[in-house]
């Protein structure tokens, strides 16, 4: 199930919130991989990564159906996983599961499960207070807020919003499809990208009550047929970058933190000029230093690499790099900024790259891990 990480990974280590910080010395990590379970995978795959030796030890699988996106709270004590299905407990809704994390053994203990109110939940995030889990339901075209108890358990939804409408692509935009959700850096606003409506919605958020209120303005528009999927804030919170799945572009927005308002700055392609095949984009992430942005191409099977102008927020394309597999649905950059791990869904592999932190360019380390249909990667530090 797993091969060895090369010893090149020896610079990762742990931070207080469970993720490895920049410039840390070698340590040990837990790696959780959320896959689709329609093939060989049966749930969340767990690994122990020894950063001194470069070895990955499989720790087993925690059974759950289609845990295609994972998130942890800021302490790393709890892990949350969507169950991307259309029928949960006999109702037309997806579900989300809460787990306690043993940071020494990597064991996950199921705390409870809750319905999300809409089918096909595909993305989630914990708000900065740690009191609420935010969920986007792709199939249902809706979002929900689930309060988190002190012991990590999830309560029933405190709020639910159903999006309405459609887009010009009748095959993919026949209705709303909420594809990602997260808060502004200060936690005052919740943003959600709806692929079906070509909108990045903004809601005012009360973390104490778990309630959402449409912002004024309530959304930023993307190009017709763009299909916004995931988004990422710049490290200083002044800009937002949206990966548009259907037209293979990234849109840069200026973000007004006081008003929660977005102003479009730029739309830039994720593909080489001469590319002529089919492509959809997936994940987007800014590196820890805020200097480079990456976006994954499914079809071209590459990562587009952009230099970020930290004053204007605009992007300049600086290259592409193959992900070493097919259909790179997800990737993550370790917080030291030295490594990028790409999850290739259709080739069942997670490939490790070394980052040049000065240029943003990538080089394969030769290390990879085999997991069937990987859709999400989450790293946590090991507590002795």
Protein backbone atom coordinates (compact mmCIF):
# COMPACT_ATOMS: atom_id res chain seq x y z
CA UNK A 1 0.00 0.00 0.00
CA UNK A 2 2.86 2.34 0.69
CA UNK A 3 6.37 2.79 -0.53
CA UNK A 4 9.10 4.75 1.22
CA UNK A 5 9.46 8.47 1.37
CA UNK A 6 13.04 9.29 0.52
CA UNK A 7 15.11 10.85 3.28
CA UNK A 8 14.65 14.15 1.45
CA UNK A 9 11.56 14.71 3.58
CA UNK A 10 13.70 15.09 6.67
CA UNK A 11 13.05 18.78 7.19
CA UNK A 12 9.37 18.55 8.21
CA UNK A 13 8.35 18.81 11.85
CA UNK A 14 5.46 19.83 14.09
CA UNK A 15 3.72 23.01 15.19
CA UNK A 16 1.34 23.54 18.09
CA UNK A 17 -1.69 23.33 15.83
CA UNK A 18 -0.64 19.93 14.58
CA UNK A 19 0.91 20.94 11.29
CA UNK A 20 4.65 21.13 10.61
CA UNK A 21 6.02 24.71 10.76
CA UNK A 22 8.55 26.46 8.57
CA UNK A 23 12.19 25.77 9.22
CA UNK A 24 11.55 22.96 11.68
CA UNK A 25 13.96 20.11 12.38
CA UNK A 26 13.25 16.51 11.33
CA UNK A 27 10.39 14.85 13.18
CA UNK A 28 7.52 12.45 12.70
CA UNK A 29 4.16 13.03 11.09
CA UNK A 30 0.82 11.37 10.77
CA UNK A 31 -0.62 11.44 7.28
CA UNK A 32 -4.31 10.89 6.64
CA UNK A 33 -5.56 10.31 3.10
CA UNK A 34 -9.23 10.59 2.20
CA UNK A 35 -10.11 8.57 -0.94
CA UNK A 36 -13.12 7.59 -2.96
CA UNK A 37 -14.20 4.12 -1.78
CA UNK A 38 -15.74 2.87 -5.04
CA UNK A 39 -12.55 0.87 -5.75
CA UNK A 40 -10.02 -0.77 -3.45
CA UNK A 41 -10.04 1.89 -0.73
CA UNK A 42 -12.38 1.41 2.22
CA UNK A 43 -11.90 4.59 4.22
CA UNK A 44 -9.35 7.04 5.61
CA UNK A 45 -5.85 5.62 5.05
CA UNK A 46 -3.49 6.35 7.95
CA UNK A 47 0.32 6.48 7.84
CA UNK A 48 3.22 7.25 10.14
CA UNK A 49 6.01 9.18 8.43
CA UNK A 50 9.49 8.94 9.96
CA UNK A 51 11.21 12.04 8.70
CA UNK A 52 14.65 10.97 9.89
CA UNK A 53 14.67 7.72 7.90
CA UNK A 54 12.18 8.72 5.18
CA UNK A 55 9.97 5.67 5.78
CA UNK A 56 6.19 5.58 5.66
CA UNK A 57 4.50 2.96 7.81
CA UNK A 58 0.89 2.06 6.98
CA UNK A 59 -1.24 2.25 10.13
CA UNK A 60 -4.48 0.89 8.74
CA UNK A 61 -7.75 2.22 7.44
CA UNK A 62 -10.65 3.83 9.28
CA UNK A 63 -13.82 2.69 7.49
CA UNK A 64 -16.07 5.42 6.10
CA UNK A 65 -17.71 5.85 2.72
CA UNK A 66 -16.15 8.40 0.36
CA UNK A 67 -14.19 10.53 2.86
CA UNK A 68 -13.13 12.80 0.02
CA UNK A 69 -12.23 15.85 2.08
CA UNK A 70 -10.67 16.12 5.53
CA UNK A 71 -10.14 18.95 8.01
CA UNK A 72 -8.81 19.28 11.54
CA UNK A 73 -9.38 21.77 14.32
CA UNK A 74 -6.56 24.14 15.28
CA UNK A 75 -5.35 21.85 18.08
CA UNK A 76 -5.09 18.74 15.89
CA UNK A 77 -7.16 16.79 18.44
CA UNK A 78 -10.11 16.26 16.11
CA UNK A 79 -10.46 15.29 12.46
CA UNK A 80 -13.59 15.74 10.37
CA UNK A 81 -14.41 13.90 7.16
CA UNK A 82 -17.18 14.35 4.66
CA UNK A 83 -19.01 11.28 3.48
CA UNK A 84 -19.67 12.26 -0.11
CA UNK A 85 -22.89 10.34 -0.62
CA UNK A 86 -26.48 11.13 -1.51
CA UNK A 87 -28.22 9.02 1.11
CA UNK A 88 -27.36 9.19 4.82
CA UNK A 89 -29.41 7.37 7.46
CA UNK A 90 -32.15 6.76 4.89
CA UNK A 91 -32.48 10.42 3.94
CA UNK A 92 -31.42 12.33 0.84
CA UNK A 93 -28.46 14.01 2.47
CA UNK A 94 -24.77 13.44 2.84
CA UNK A 95 -22.99 13.08 6.14
CA UNK A 96 -19.95 14.22 8.05
CA UNK A 97 -18.04 12.25 10.68
CA UNK A 98 -16.09 13.53 13.69
CA UNK A 99 -13.06 11.65 15.02
CA UNK A 100 -10.76 12.00 18.00
CA UNK A 101 -7.13 11.77 16.90
CA UNK A 102 -4.54 9.85 18.89
CA UNK A 103 -1.54 11.95 17.94
CA UNK A 104 0.86 9.18 19.01
CA UNK A 105 -0.62 6.09 17.37
CA UNK A 106 -2.58 7.70 14.55
CA UNK A 107 -5.76 5.94 15.63
CA UNK A 108 -9.05 7.64 14.83
CA UNK A 109 -11.96 7.12 17.22
CA UNK A 110 -15.39 7.89 15.83
CA UNK A 111 -17.17 10.45 18.01
CA UNK A 112 -20.38 10.86 16.04
CA UNK A 113 -21.89 11.58 12.65
CA UNK A 114 -24.34 14.20 11.49
CA UNK A 115 -26.28 14.80 8.25
CA UNK A 116 -25.26 17.85 6.23
CA UNK A 117 -28.73 18.65 4.88
CA UNK A 118 -27.76 18.18 1.24
CA UNK A 119 -26.40 15.35 -0.86
CA UNK A 120 -22.81 15.00 -1.99
CA UNK A 121 -20.89 17.01 0.64
CA UNK A 122 -17.45 17.63 -0.85
CA UNK A 123 -15.65 20.23 1.27
CA UNK A 124 -15.45 21.39 4.87
CA UNK A 125 -13.54 23.73 7.17
CA UNK A 126 -13.37 24.50 10.89
CA UNK A 127 -13.85 28.17 11.76
CA UNK A 128 -11.00 29.98 13.63
CA UNK A 129 -12.79 29.72 16.99
CA UNK A 130 -13.01 25.93 16.66
CA UNK A 131 -16.71 26.12 17.51
CA UNK A 132 -18.20 25.42 14.08
CA UNK A 133 -17.74 23.09 11.12
CA UNK A 134 -18.66 24.56 7.74
CA UNK A 135 -19.79 22.16 5.00
CA UNK A 136 -20.41 22.57 1.26
CA UNK A 137 -22.85 20.15 -0.39
CA UNK A 138 -21.98 19.80 -4.08
CA UNK A 139 -24.93 17.64 -5.11
CA UNK A 140 -27.43 19.58 -3.05
CA UNK A 141 -26.10 23.02 -3.95
CA UNK A 142 -26.22 24.09 -0.32
CA UNK A 143 -24.05 24.93 2.70
CA UNK A 144 -24.44 24.17 6.39
CA UNK A 145 -22.95 25.11 9.76
CA UNK A 146 -22.58 22.36 12.39
CA UNK A 147 -21.61 23.50 15.92
CA UNK A 148 -18.71 21.63 17.52
CA UNK A 149 -18.92 20.62 21.17
CA UNK A 150 -15.88 20.86 23.47
CA UNK A 151 -15.24 17.12 23.10
CA UNK A 152 -15.20 17.43 19.30
CA UNK A 153 -18.64 16.01 18.67
CA UNK A 154 -20.88 17.62 16.11
CA UNK A 155 -24.31 19.02 16.85
CA UNK A 156 -27.13 19.25 14.37
CA UNK A 157 -26.88 22.12 11.91
CA UNK A 158 -27.33 25.59 13.38
CA UNK A 159 -27.83 27.07 9.92
CA UNK A 160 -28.45 25.89 6.38
CA UNK A 161 -28.52 27.85 3.11
CA UNK A 162 -29.91 26.50 -0.16
CA UNK A 163 -28.49 28.12 -3.29
CA UNK A 164 -30.76 28.55 -6.31
CA UNK A 165 -30.24 29.08 -10.03
CA UNK A 166 -28.19 27.64 -12.88
CA UNK A 167 -25.36 28.47 -15.27
CA UNK A 168 -24.74 28.36 -19.03
CA UNK A 169 -23.10 24.91 -19.06
CA UNK A 170 -26.17 22.67 -19.13
CA UNK A 171 -24.13 19.56 -18.42
CA UNK A 172 -22.37 20.85 -15.28
CA UNK A 173 -24.37 23.94 -14.29
CA UNK A 174 -27.95 22.69 -14.44
CA UNK A 175 -28.33 23.83 -10.83
CA UNK A 176 -26.31 25.09 -7.89
CA UNK A 177 -23.20 23.14 -6.84
CA UNK A 178 -21.48 24.50 -3.74
CA UNK A 179 -17.93 23.21 -4.11
CA UNK A 180 -15.89 24.76 -1.29
CA UNK A 181 -16.32 26.76 1.89
CA UNK A 182 -14.12 28.59 4.37
CA UNK A 183 -13.84 31.70 6.50
CA UNK A 184 -11.98 34.93 6.02
CA UNK A 185 -8.75 35.03 8.06
CA UNK A 186 -10.49 36.95 10.86
CA UNK A 187 -13.46 34.58 10.89
CA UNK A 188 -16.02 37.37 10.36
CA UNK A 189 -17.12 36.17 6.93
CA UNK A 190 -17.79 32.81 5.28
CA UNK A 191 -17.02 32.40 1.58
CA UNK A 192 -18.30 29.60 -0.62
CA UNK A 193 -17.64 28.92 -4.30
CA UNK A 194 -20.64 27.65 -6.26
CA UNK A 195 -19.60 25.92 -9.49
CA UNK A 196 -23.14 25.81 -10.84
CA UNK A 197 -23.85 29.51 -10.41
CA UNK A 198 -20.47 31.07 -11.28
CA UNK A 199 -20.45 32.91 -7.96
CA UNK A 200 -18.24 33.31 -4.91
CA UNK A 201 -20.79 33.93 -2.16
CA UNK A 202 -19.95 35.92 0.98
CA UNK A 203 -21.87 35.61 4.26
CA UNK A 204 -21.46 37.50 7.50
CA UNK A 205 -20.81 34.91 10.19
CA UNK A 206 -21.62 34.83 13.90
CA UNK A 207 -19.42 32.10 15.37
CA UNK A 208 -21.18 32.28 18.74
CA UNK A 209 -24.57 31.32 17.26
CA UNK A 210 -23.39 29.53 14.10
CA UNK A 211 -25.58 31.76 11.93
CA UNK A 212 -24.99 33.07 8.40
CA UNK A 213 -26.34 36.34 6.95
CA UNK A 214 -25.94 37.34 3.29
CA UNK A 215 -23.31 40.03 2.93
CA UNK A 216 -23.79 43.29 1.06
CA UNK A 217 -22.82 42.68 -1.72
CA UNK A 218 -23.83 39.00 -1.37
CA UNK A 219 -21.44 37.56 -3.99
CA UNK A 220 -18.75 38.19 -6.57
CA UNK A 221 -19.43 37.04 -10.12
CA UNK A 222 -17.08 34.82 -12.12
CA UNK A 223 -17.06 34.62 -15.92
CA UNK A 224 -20.10 32.78 -17.33
CA UNK A 225 -19.29 29.07 -17.47
CA UNK A 226 -16.13 29.45 -15.36
CA UNK A 227 -17.30 27.00 -12.71
CA UNK A 228 -15.54 28.22 -9.52
CA UNK A 229 -14.33 25.26 -7.45
CA UNK A 230 -11.82 26.04 -4.66
CA UNK A 231 -10.33 29.31 -3.39
CA UNK A 232 -7.35 30.44 -1.35
CA UNK A 233 -6.53 33.64 0.52
CA UNK A 234 -3.19 35.37 0.18
CA UNK A 235 -1.06 35.08 3.31
CA UNK A 236 -1.81 38.67 4.33
CA UNK A 237 -5.56 38.23 3.68
CA UNK A 238 -5.73 41.06 1.13
CA UNK A 239 -6.48 38.90 -1.91
CA UNK A 240 -8.53 35.82 -2.82
CA UNK A 241 -7.69 33.42 -5.65
CA UNK A 242 -10.38 31.22 -7.21
CA UNK A 243 -9.69 28.07 -9.22
CA UNK A 244 -12.28 27.88 -12.00
CA UNK A 245 -12.84 24.23 -12.84
CA UNK A 246 -14.68 24.50 -16.14
CA UNK A 247 -12.70 27.12 -18.05
CA UNK A 248 -9.25 26.35 -16.56
CA UNK A 249 -8.51 29.78 -15.16
CA UNK A 250 -7.60 31.40 -11.86
CA UNK A 251 -9.38 34.63 -10.91
CA UNK A 252 -7.68 37.05 -8.52
CA UNK A 253 -9.82 39.30 -6.30
CA UNK A 254 -8.91 42.16 -4.00
CA UNK A 255 -10.57 41.55 -0.62
CA UNK A 256 -11.93 44.30 1.62
CA UNK A 257 -11.62 42.75 5.09
CA UNK A 258 -13.86 45.35 6.71
CA UNK A 259 -16.80 44.94 4.31
CA UNK A 260 -16.21 41.41 3.07
CA UNK A 261 -16.34 42.77 -0.48
CA UNK A 262 -14.47 41.37 -3.49
CA UNK A 263 -13.16 43.24 -6.54
CA UNK A 264 -11.99 41.29 -9.59
CA UNK A 265 -8.40 42.01 -10.58
CA UNK A 266 -7.37 39.38 -13.12
CA UNK A 267 -8.25 36.09 -14.78
CA UNK A 268 -5.32 33.97 -15.97
CA UNK A 269 -5.16 30.59 -17.72
CA UNK A 270 -3.87 27.46 -15.98
CA UNK A 271 -2.78 25.88 -19.28
CA UNK A 272 0.04 26.28 -21.82
CA UNK A 273 -0.97 28.23 -24.92
CA UNK A 274 -0.73 25.20 -27.22
CA UNK A 275 -2.65 22.78 -24.99
CA UNK A 276 -5.65 21.41 -26.90
CA UNK A 277 -7.03 18.53 -24.79
CA UNK A 278 -9.79 18.34 -22.21
CA UNK A 279 -8.98 19.81 -18.81
CA UNK A 280 -10.59 20.76 -15.51
CA UNK A 281 -8.84 22.35 -12.56
CA UNK A 282 -9.07 21.18 -8.96
CA UNK A 283 -6.96 22.38 -6.00
CA UNK A 284 -5.38 25.78 -5.39
CA UNK A 285 -2.91 26.83 -2.70
CA UNK A 286 -0.57 29.69 -1.83
CA UNK A 287 2.84 28.69 -0.47
CA UNK A 288 3.64 29.48 3.20
CA UNK A 289 5.79 32.50 2.28
CA UNK A 290 3.03 33.96 0.10
CA UNK A 291 5.29 34.23 -2.93
CA UNK A 292 3.87 31.52 -5.21
CA UNK A 293 0.48 30.03 -6.04
CA UNK A 294 -0.19 26.55 -7.44
CA UNK A 295 -3.26 25.17 -9.20
CA UNK A 296 -3.77 21.57 -10.36
CA UNK A 297 -4.84 20.64 -13.89
CA UNK A 298 -6.77 17.41 -14.47
CA UNK A 299 -6.31 16.42 -18.10
CA UNK A 300 -3.02 18.23 -18.54
CA UNK A 301 -2.10 16.44 -15.25
CA UNK A 302 0.11 19.26 -14.13
CA UNK A 303 0.51 22.01 -11.61
CA UNK A 304 0.42 25.57 -12.92
CA UNK A 305 2.90 27.73 -10.99
CA UNK A 306 2.42 31.47 -10.53
CA UNK A 307 4.52 34.19 -8.93
CA UNK A 308 2.40 36.39 -6.65
CA UNK A 309 2.85 40.15 -6.62
CA UNK A 310 2.24 40.72 -2.93
CA UNK A 311 1.55 44.43 -3.45
CA UNK A 312 -1.03 44.22 -6.26
CA UNK A 313 -2.21 40.63 -5.85
CA UNK A 314 -1.71 39.91 -9.53
CA UNK A 315 -0.27 36.62 -10.78
CA UNK A 316 2.45 35.94 -13.33
CA UNK A 317 2.70 32.46 -14.82
CA UNK A 318 6.15 31.02 -14.11
CA UNK A 319 5.81 27.44 -15.34
CA UNK A 320 4.16 24.03 -15.20
CA UNK A 321 5.17 20.71 -13.71
CA UNK A 322 3.70 17.24 -14.29
CA UNK A 323 2.24 15.67 -11.15
CA UNK A 324 3.60 12.19 -11.85
CA UNK A 325 0.18 10.64 -12.28
CA UNK A 326 -3.33 11.11 -13.63
CA UNK A 327 -6.08 13.42 -12.39
CA UNK A 328 -4.39 15.43 -9.60
CA UNK A 329 -7.49 16.11 -7.50
CA UNK A 330 -5.63 17.45 -4.49
CA UNK A 331 -2.21 18.57 -3.34
CA UNK A 332 -0.76 20.09 -0.21
CA UNK A 333 2.37 22.07 0.60
CA UNK A 334 4.03 21.27 3.90
CA UNK A 335 4.21 24.39 6.11
CA UNK A 336 8.01 24.51 5.87
CA UNK A 337 7.36 25.26 2.20
CA UNK A 338 10.01 22.78 1.06
CA UNK A 339 7.76 19.98 -0.20
CA UNK A 340 4.58 19.56 -2.19
CA UNK A 341 2.57 16.30 -2.17
CA UNK A 342 0.24 15.70 -5.14
CA UNK A 343 -2.63 13.19 -4.93
CA UNK A 344 -3.34 11.68 -8.36
CA UNK A 345 -6.81 10.15 -8.19
CA UNK A 346 -6.82 8.05 -11.36
CA UNK A 347 -3.28 6.62 -11.01
CA UNK A 348 -3.66 5.82 -7.30
CA UNK A 349 -0.49 7.57 -6.18
CA UNK A 350 0.69 10.46 -4.04
CA UNK A 351 3.92 11.93 -5.41
CA UNK A 352 6.38 14.04 -3.41
CA UNK A 353 8.15 17.05 -4.92
CA UNK A 354 10.83 19.34 -3.52
CA UNK A 355 10.07 23.05 -3.91
CA UNK A 356 12.62 25.68 -4.77
CA UNK A 357 11.45 28.32 -2.32
CA UNK A 358 13.15 31.08 -4.32
CA UNK A 359 11.66 30.25 -7.72
CA UNK A 360 8.60 28.15 -6.85
CA UNK A 361 9.70 25.43 -9.27
CA UNK A 362 9.32 21.73 -8.45
CA UNK A 363 11.60 18.71 -8.68
CA UNK A 364 10.49 15.10 -8.03
CA UNK A 365 12.13 13.43 -5.03
CA UNK A 366 11.41 9.96 -6.41
CA UNK A 367 9.16 9.21 -3.44
CA UNK A 368 5.51 8.25 -3.67
CA UNK A 369 2.75 6.44 -1.78
CA UNK A 370 0.10 4.18 -3.29
CA UNK A 371 -3.50 4.79 -2.25
CA UNK A 372 -6.45 3.94 -4.48
CA UNK A 373 -8.39 7.02 -5.68
CA UNK A 374 -6.80 9.56 -3.29
CA UNK A 375 -8.84 12.76 -3.01
CA UNK A 376 -7.39 14.63 -0.02
CA UNK A 377 -4.22 14.67 2.13
CA UNK A 378 -3.95 15.90 5.73
CA UNK A 379 -0.72 16.07 7.76
CA UNK A 380 -0.48 16.21 11.57
CA UNK A 381 2.48 16.07 13.92
CA UNK A 382 3.05 13.06 16.16
CA UNK A 383 2.92 13.66 19.90
CA UNK A 384 5.37 11.38 21.79
